[in-house]
């Protein structure tokens, strides 16, 4: 009998990332990362003169964070409990946009929070890897959860039959972000998302 499949992002879905990153940037780089700004996900500014950190410098900074500071990340409220309930009826894959060099660190990080599911690393849009996972698992129904609008658009294009849930667990960011146009729903807390996901699974039973 086919099982449902949950494909979920990690940062700002299962674990808080923006808050710990913002604190670290201020402490170590003298950089501001205002979480309540309209462009908070993208804008780093130098405290010394207010200038924007250019894009080519952002990714090396993020790499430094993931190299040494993943321990700062904390569990999103209710994420572990929700995944435990989902795992009773469905397969779960964590699809995270980190290079494969971080795979072991991400597995270990999630394991520390009691989240022990397959982790797949990815770069770029998530549509193709989601479609590949659907082909591999051949589930009765698939639900995809992510915080980034463009990933929902990517999945909508490559795997249109997948249910898409937009979730941002950092309230300082979620309050500034409209629902992703390509998502079927927007729910920013796992306690509320769990029944929505289970309803999608149940509809395919």
C-alpha atoms as a PDB file:
ATOM      1  CA  UNK A   1       0.000   0.000   0.000  1.00  0.00           C
ATOM      2  CA  UNK A   2       1.338   3.403  -0.988  1.00  0.00           C
ATOM      3  CA  UNK A   3       2.263   5.869   1.742  1.00  0.00           C
ATOM      4  CA  UNK A   4       2.050   9.662   1.602  1.00  0.00           C
ATOM      5  CA  UNK A   5       5.253  11.704   1.369  1.00  0.00           C
ATOM      6  CA  UNK A   6       6.208  14.909   3.176  1.00  0.00           C
ATOM      7  CA  UNK A   7       9.072  16.900   1.660  1.00  0.00           C
ATOM      8  CA  UNK A   8      10.073  19.721   3.976  1.00  0.00           C
ATOM      9  CA  UNK A   9      12.673  22.452   3.998  1.00  0.00           C
ATOM     10  CA  UNK A  10      14.813  22.932   7.108  1.00  0.00           C
ATOM     11  CA  UNK A  11      15.850  26.561   7.714  1.00  0.00           C
ATOM     12  CA  UNK A  12      12.909  28.724   8.845  1.00  0.00           C
ATOM     13  CA  UNK A  13      10.656  25.652   8.621  1.00  0.00           C
ATOM     14  CA  UNK A  14      12.097  23.069  11.016  1.00  0.00           C
ATOM     15  CA  UNK A  15      14.827  25.227  12.563  1.00  0.00           C
ATOM     16  CA  UNK A  16      15.212  28.925  13.212  1.00  0.00           C
ATOM     17  CA  UNK A  17      18.039  30.322  11.101  1.00  0.00           C
ATOM     18  CA  UNK A  18      17.479  34.033  10.503  1.00  0.00           C
ATOM     19  CA  UNK A  19      17.467  34.996  14.200  1.00  0.00           C
ATOM     20  CA  UNK A  20      20.694  33.177  15.102  1.00  0.00           C
ATOM     21  CA  UNK A  21      22.282  34.450  11.881  1.00  0.00           C
ATOM     22  CA  UNK A  22      21.309  38.042  12.680  1.00  0.00           C
ATOM     23  CA  UNK A  23      22.809  37.788  16.169  1.00  0.00           C
ATOM     24  CA  UNK A  24      26.030  36.267  14.838  1.00  0.00           C
ATOM     25  CA  UNK A  25      26.397  38.913  12.131  1.00  0.00           C
ATOM     26  CA  UNK A  26      26.122  41.672  14.713  1.00  0.00           C
ATOM     27  CA  UNK A  27      28.504  40.020  17.150  1.00  0.00           C
ATOM     28  CA  UNK A  28      31.234  39.008  14.728  1.00  0.00           C
ATOM     29  CA  UNK A  29      30.908  40.997  11.497  1.00  0.00           C
ATOM     30  CA  UNK A  30      29.446  44.355  12.586  1.00  0.00           C
ATOM     31  CA  UNK A  31      26.641  43.721  10.096  1.00  0.00           C
ATOM     32  CA  UNK A  32      22.941  44.418  10.590  1.00  0.00           C
ATOM     33  CA  UNK A  33      20.338  41.927   9.353  1.00  0.00           C
ATOM     34  CA  UNK A  34      16.955  43.474  10.272  1.00  0.00           C
ATOM     35  CA  UNK A  35      14.415  40.673  10.407  1.00  0.00           C
ATOM     36  CA  UNK A  36      11.403  42.995  10.362  1.00  0.00           C
ATOM     37  CA  UNK A  37      12.454  44.856   7.207  1.00  0.00           C
ATOM     38  CA  UNK A  38      10.524  44.268   4.007  1.00  0.00           C
ATOM     39  CA  UNK A  39      13.672  42.862   2.381  1.00  0.00           C
ATOM     40  CA  UNK A  40      15.034  41.148   5.512  1.00  0.00           C
ATOM     41  CA  UNK A  41      15.862  37.896   3.777  1.00  0.00           C
ATOM     42  CA  UNK A  42      18.237  39.610   1.361  1.00  0.00           C
ATOM     43  CA  UNK A  43      19.656  42.764   2.948  1.00  0.00           C
ATOM     44  CA  UNK A  44      22.815  42.800   5.051  1.00  0.00           C
ATOM     45  CA  UNK A  45      24.177  46.264   5.862  1.00  0.00           C
ATOM     46  CA  UNK A  46      27.521  47.372   7.310  1.00  0.00           C
ATOM     47  CA  UNK A  47      27.009  49.128  10.629  1.00  0.00           C
ATOM     48  CA  UNK A  48      29.970  51.401   9.951  1.00  0.00           C
ATOM     49  CA  UNK A  49      28.393  53.253   7.035  1.00  0.00           C
ATOM     50  CA  UNK A  50      25.014  51.636   6.315  1.00  0.00           C
ATOM     51  CA  UNK A  51      26.162  50.299   2.951  1.00  0.00           C
ATOM     52  CA  UNK A  52      24.627  47.102   1.637  1.00  0.00           C
ATOM     53  CA  UNK A  53      26.764  43.965   1.597  1.00  0.00           C
ATOM     54  CA  UNK A  54      26.986  43.047  -2.075  1.00  0.00           C
ATOM     55  CA  UNK A  55      25.576  39.735  -3.222  1.00  0.00           C
ATOM     56  CA  UNK A  56      28.908  38.129  -4.048  1.00  0.00           C
ATOM     57  CA  UNK A  57      29.944  38.591  -0.409  1.00  0.00           C
ATOM     58  CA  UNK A  58      26.710  37.288   1.141  1.00  0.00           C
ATOM     59  CA  UNK A  59      27.175  33.613   0.295  1.00  0.00           C
ATOM     60  CA  UNK A  60      30.719  33.389   1.728  1.00  0.00           C
ATOM     61  CA  UNK A  61      29.367  34.932   4.934  1.00  0.00           C
ATOM     62  CA  UNK A  62      26.553  32.387   5.031  1.00  0.00           C
ATOM     63  CA  UNK A  63      29.091  29.612   4.449  1.00  0.00           C
ATOM     64  CA  UNK A  64      31.049  30.827   7.480  1.00  0.00           C
ATOM     65  CA  UNK A  65      27.852  30.653   9.537  1.00  0.00           C
ATOM     66  CA  UNK A  66      27.059  27.105   8.460  1.00  0.00           C
ATOM     67  CA  UNK A  67      30.690  26.047   8.867  1.00  0.00           C
ATOM     68  CA  UNK A  68      30.897  26.992  12.536  1.00  0.00           C
ATOM     69  CA  UNK A  69      27.611  28.284  13.925  1.00  0.00           C
ATOM     70  CA  UNK A  70      24.874  25.748  13.166  1.00  0.00           C
ATOM     71  CA  UNK A  71      24.752  25.008  16.894  1.00  0.00           C
ATOM     72  CA  UNK A  72      23.070  28.393  17.343  1.00  0.00           C
ATOM     73  CA  UNK A  73      19.976  27.247  15.465  1.00  0.00           C
ATOM     74  CA  UNK A  74      16.950  26.292  17.537  1.00  0.00           C
ATOM     75  CA  UNK A  75      13.941  24.097  16.899  1.00  0.00           C
ATOM     76  CA  UNK A  76      10.810  25.682  15.445  1.00  0.00           C
ATOM     77  CA  UNK A  77       7.877  25.375  17.872  1.00  0.00           C
ATOM     78  CA  UNK A  78       6.045  22.040  17.605  1.00  0.00           C
ATOM     79  CA  UNK A  79       8.121  20.877  14.599  1.00  0.00           C
ATOM     80  CA  UNK A  80       9.419  17.727  16.288  1.00  0.00           C
ATOM     81  CA  UNK A  81       5.983  16.733  17.592  1.00  0.00           C
ATOM     82  CA  UNK A  82       4.352  17.337  14.204  1.00  0.00           C
ATOM     83  CA  UNK A  83       6.966  15.302  12.340  1.00  0.00           C
ATOM     84  CA  UNK A  84       6.630  12.457  14.837  1.00  0.00           C
ATOM     85  CA  UNK A  85       2.891  12.337  14.154  1.00  0.00           C
ATOM     86  CA  UNK A  86       3.389  12.542  10.396  1.00  0.00           C
ATOM     87  CA  UNK A  87       6.035   9.788  10.442  1.00  0.00           C
ATOM     88  CA  UNK A  88       3.425   7.329  11.720  1.00  0.00           C
ATOM     89  CA  UNK A  89       1.564   7.523   8.411  1.00  0.00           C
ATOM     90  CA  UNK A  90       4.001   8.967   5.851  1.00  0.00           C
ATOM     91  CA  UNK A  91       7.581   9.024   4.628  1.00  0.00           C
ATOM     92  CA  UNK A  92       9.513  12.223   5.340  1.00  0.00           C
ATOM     93  CA  UNK A  93      12.410  13.800   3.428  1.00  0.00           C
ATOM     94  CA  UNK A  94      14.185  16.989   4.483  1.00  0.00           C
ATOM     95  CA  UNK A  95      15.175  18.854   1.295  1.00  0.00           C
ATOM     96  CA  UNK A  96      17.655  21.548   2.287  1.00  0.00           C
ATOM     97  CA  UNK A  97      19.452  24.073   0.090  1.00  0.00           C
ATOM     98  CA  UNK A  98      22.976  23.418   1.309  1.00  0.00           C
ATOM     99  CA  UNK A  99      25.844  21.910  -0.614  1.00  0.00           C
ATOM    100  CA  UNK A 100      26.475  18.218  -0.030  1.00  0.00           C
ATOM    101  CA  UNK A 101      29.513  19.070   2.087  1.00  0.00           C
ATOM    102  CA  UNK A 102      27.073  20.069   4.839  1.00  0.00           C
ATOM    103  CA  UNK A 103      25.008  16.881   4.638  1.00  0.00           C
ATOM    104  CA  UNK A 104      26.584  15.203   7.654  1.00  0.00           C
ATOM    105  CA  UNK A 105      26.390  18.362   9.765  1.00  0.00           C
ATOM    106  CA  UNK A 106      22.714  18.856   8.895  1.00  0.00           C
ATOM    107  CA  UNK A 107      21.877  15.228   9.719  1.00  0.00           C
ATOM    108  CA  UNK A 108      23.675  15.550  13.059  1.00  0.00           C
ATOM    109  CA  UNK A 109      22.015  18.897  13.766  1.00  0.00           C
ATOM    110  CA  UNK A 110      18.514  17.548  13.177  1.00  0.00           C
ATOM    111  CA  UNK A 111      19.272  14.354  15.086  1.00  0.00           C
ATOM    112  CA  UNK A 112      20.043  16.465  18.170  1.00  0.00           C
ATOM    113  CA  UNK A 113      16.416  17.655  18.054  1.00  0.00           C
ATOM    114  CA  UNK A 114      15.065  14.133  17.620  1.00  0.00           C
ATOM    115  CA  UNK A 115      14.403  14.623  13.898  1.00  0.00           C
ATOM    116  CA  UNK A 116      15.785  11.543  12.165  1.00  0.00           C
ATOM    117  CA  UNK A 117      14.661  11.425   8.567  1.00  0.00           C
ATOM    118  CA  UNK A 118      16.364  11.310   5.204  1.00  0.00           C
ATOM    119  CA  UNK A 119      18.182  14.538   4.336  1.00  0.00           C
ATOM    120  CA  UNK A 120      18.756  15.573   0.714  1.00  0.00           C
ATOM    121  CA  UNK A 121      20.991  18.546  -0.090  1.00  0.00           C
ATOM    122  CA  UNK A 122      20.197  20.743  -3.081  1.00  0.00           C
ATOM    123  CA  UNK A 123      21.280  23.864  -4.901  1.00  0.00           C
ATOM    124  CA  UNK A 124      18.901  26.041  -6.881  1.00  0.00           C
ATOM    125  CA  UNK A 125      15.200  25.511  -7.447  1.00  0.00           C
ATOM    126  CA  UNK A 126      13.511  22.609  -5.710  1.00  0.00           C
ATOM    127  CA  UNK A 127      11.108  21.614  -8.477  1.00  0.00           C
ATOM    128  CA  UNK A 128      13.335  19.012 -10.117  1.00  0.00           C
ATOM    129  CA  UNK A 129      14.493  17.346  -6.868  1.00  0.00           C
ATOM    130  CA  UNK A 130      10.894  17.217  -5.624  1.00  0.00           C
ATOM    131  CA  UNK A 131       9.813  15.615  -8.900  1.00  0.00           C
ATOM    132  CA  UNK A 132      12.666  13.104  -8.567  1.00  0.00           C
ATOM    133  CA  UNK A 133      11.635  12.221  -5.010  1.00  0.00           C
ATOM    134  CA  UNK A 134       8.024  11.755  -6.083  1.00  0.00           C
ATOM    135  CA  UNK A 135       9.172   9.418  -8.846  1.00  0.00           C
ATOM    136  CA  UNK A 136      11.364   7.498  -6.388  1.00  0.00           C
ATOM    137  CA  UNK A 137       8.795   7.072  -3.609  1.00  0.00           C
ATOM    138  CA  UNK A 138       5.666   6.819  -5.802  1.00  0.00           C
ATOM    139  CA  UNK A 139       3.556   8.138  -2.901  1.00  0.00           C
ATOM    140  CA  UNK A 140      -0.206   8.267  -2.663  1.00  0.00           C
ATOM    141  CA  UNK A 141       0.077  12.047  -2.173  1.00  0.00           C
ATOM    142  CA  UNK A 142       2.927  14.496  -1.565  1.00  0.00           C
ATOM    143  CA  UNK A 143       3.044  17.654   0.542  1.00  0.00           C
ATOM    144  CA  UNK A 144       5.918  20.145   0.127  1.00  0.00           C
ATOM    145  CA  UNK A 145       6.712  22.723   2.835  1.00  0.00           C
ATOM    146  CA  UNK A 146       9.090  25.646   2.299  1.00  0.00           C
ATOM    147  CA  UNK A 147       9.564  29.260   3.333  1.00  0.00           C
ATOM    148  CA  UNK A 148      10.714  30.631  -0.043  1.00  0.00           C
ATOM    149  CA  UNK A 149       8.287  31.806  -2.716  1.00  0.00           C
ATOM    150  CA  UNK A 150      10.471  30.794  -5.649  1.00  0.00           C
ATOM    151  CA  UNK A 151      10.674  27.181  -4.480  1.00  0.00           C
ATOM    152  CA  UNK A 152       6.893  26.927  -4.521  1.00  0.00           C
ATOM    153  CA  UNK A 153       6.883  28.284  -8.070  1.00  0.00           C
ATOM    154  CA  UNK A 154       9.580  25.791  -9.029  1.00  0.00           C
ATOM    155  CA  UNK A 155       7.655  22.860  -7.565  1.00  0.00           C
ATOM    156  CA  UNK A 156       4.394  24.052  -9.119  1.00  0.00           C
ATOM    157  CA  UNK A 157       6.106  23.920 -12.509  1.00  0.00           C
ATOM    158  CA  UNK A 158       8.001  20.623 -12.159  1.00  0.00           C
ATOM    159  CA  UNK A 159       5.593  18.667  -9.947  1.00  0.00           C
ATOM    160  CA  UNK A 160       2.173  20.345 -10.163  1.00  0.00           C
ATOM    161  CA  UNK A 161       0.309  17.541  -8.384  1.00  0.00           C
ATOM    162  CA  UNK A 162       2.264  18.152  -5.164  1.00  0.00           C
ATOM    163  CA  UNK A 163       0.458  20.048  -2.422  1.00  0.00           C
ATOM    164  CA  UNK A 164       2.464  23.162  -1.486  1.00  0.00           C
ATOM    165  CA  UNK A 165       2.428  24.722   1.979  1.00  0.00           C
ATOM    166  CA  UNK A 166       4.171  28.058   2.548  1.00  0.00           C
ATOM    167  CA  UNK A 167       5.593  28.308   6.079  1.00  0.00           C
ATOM    168  CA  UNK A 168       7.895  30.868   7.744  1.00  0.00           C
ATOM    169  CA  UNK A 169       8.433  30.106  11.437  1.00  0.00           C
ATOM    170  CA  UNK A 170      10.273  33.351  12.266  1.00  0.00           C
ATOM    171  CA  UNK A 171       7.450  35.773  13.200  1.00  0.00           C
ATOM    172  CA  UNK A 172       9.548  38.871  12.542  1.00  0.00           C
ATOM    173  CA  UNK A 173       9.849  37.762   8.926  1.00  0.00           C
ATOM    174  CA  UNK A 174       6.493  36.039   8.429  1.00  0.00           C
ATOM    175  CA  UNK A 175       4.638  39.222   9.335  1.00  0.00           C
ATOM    176  CA  UNK A 176       6.291  40.981   6.408  1.00  0.00           C
ATOM    177  CA  UNK A 177       5.863  38.253   3.803  1.00  0.00           C
ATOM    178  CA  UNK A 178       2.664  37.658   1.824  1.00  0.00           C
ATOM    179  CA  UNK A 179       1.625  34.090   1.019  1.00  0.00           C
ATOM    180  CA  UNK A 180       3.522  32.563  -1.888  1.00  0.00           C
ATOM    181  CA  UNK A 181       1.363  32.850  -4.993  1.00  0.00           C
ATOM    182  CA  UNK A 182       2.181  29.283  -6.066  1.00  0.00           C
ATOM    183  CA  UNK A 183       1.410  27.717  -2.669  1.00  0.00           C
ATOM    184  CA  UNK A 184      -1.923  26.141  -1.816  1.00  0.00           C
ATOM    185  CA  UNK A 185      -1.859  27.493   1.751  1.00  0.00           C
ATOM    186  CA  UNK A 186       0.158  29.615   4.152  1.00  0.00           C
ATOM    187  CA  UNK A 187       0.511  28.382   7.758  1.00  0.00           C
ATOM    188  CA  UNK A 188       3.415  29.546   9.923  1.00  0.00           C
ATOM    189  CA  UNK A 189       3.170  27.139  12.870  1.00  0.00           C
ATOM    190  CA  UNK A 190       3.508  23.355  12.881  1.00  0.00           C
ATOM    191  CA  UNK A 191       0.724  22.909  15.407  1.00  0.00           C
ATOM    192  CA  UNK A 192      -1.674  24.486  12.919  1.00  0.00           C
ATOM    193  CA  UNK A 193      -0.017  22.961   9.860  1.00  0.00           C
ATOM    194  CA  UNK A 194      -0.294  19.389  11.118  1.00  0.00           C
ATOM    195  CA  UNK A 195      -4.075  18.994  10.588  1.00  0.00           C
ATOM    196  CA  UNK A 196      -3.820  20.645   7.155  1.00  0.00           C
ATOM    197  CA  UNK A 197      -1.127  18.164   6.110  1.00  0.00           C
ATOM    198  CA  UNK A 198      -3.009  15.219   7.572  1.00  0.00           C
ATOM    199  CA  UNK A 199      -6.132  16.289   5.703  1.00  0.00           C
ATOM    200  CA  UNK A 200      -4.186  16.229   2.417  1.00  0.00           C
ATOM    201  CA  UNK A 201      -2.924  12.751   3.264  1.00  0.00           C
ATOM    202  CA  UNK A 202      -6.379  11.570   4.266  1.00  0.00           C
ATOM    203  CA  UNK A 203      -7.952  12.792   1.030  1.00  0.00           C
ATOM    204  CA  UNK A 204      -5.757  10.328  -0.876  1.00  0.00           C
ATOM    205  CA  UNK A 205      -6.599   7.341   1.328  1.00  0.00           C
END
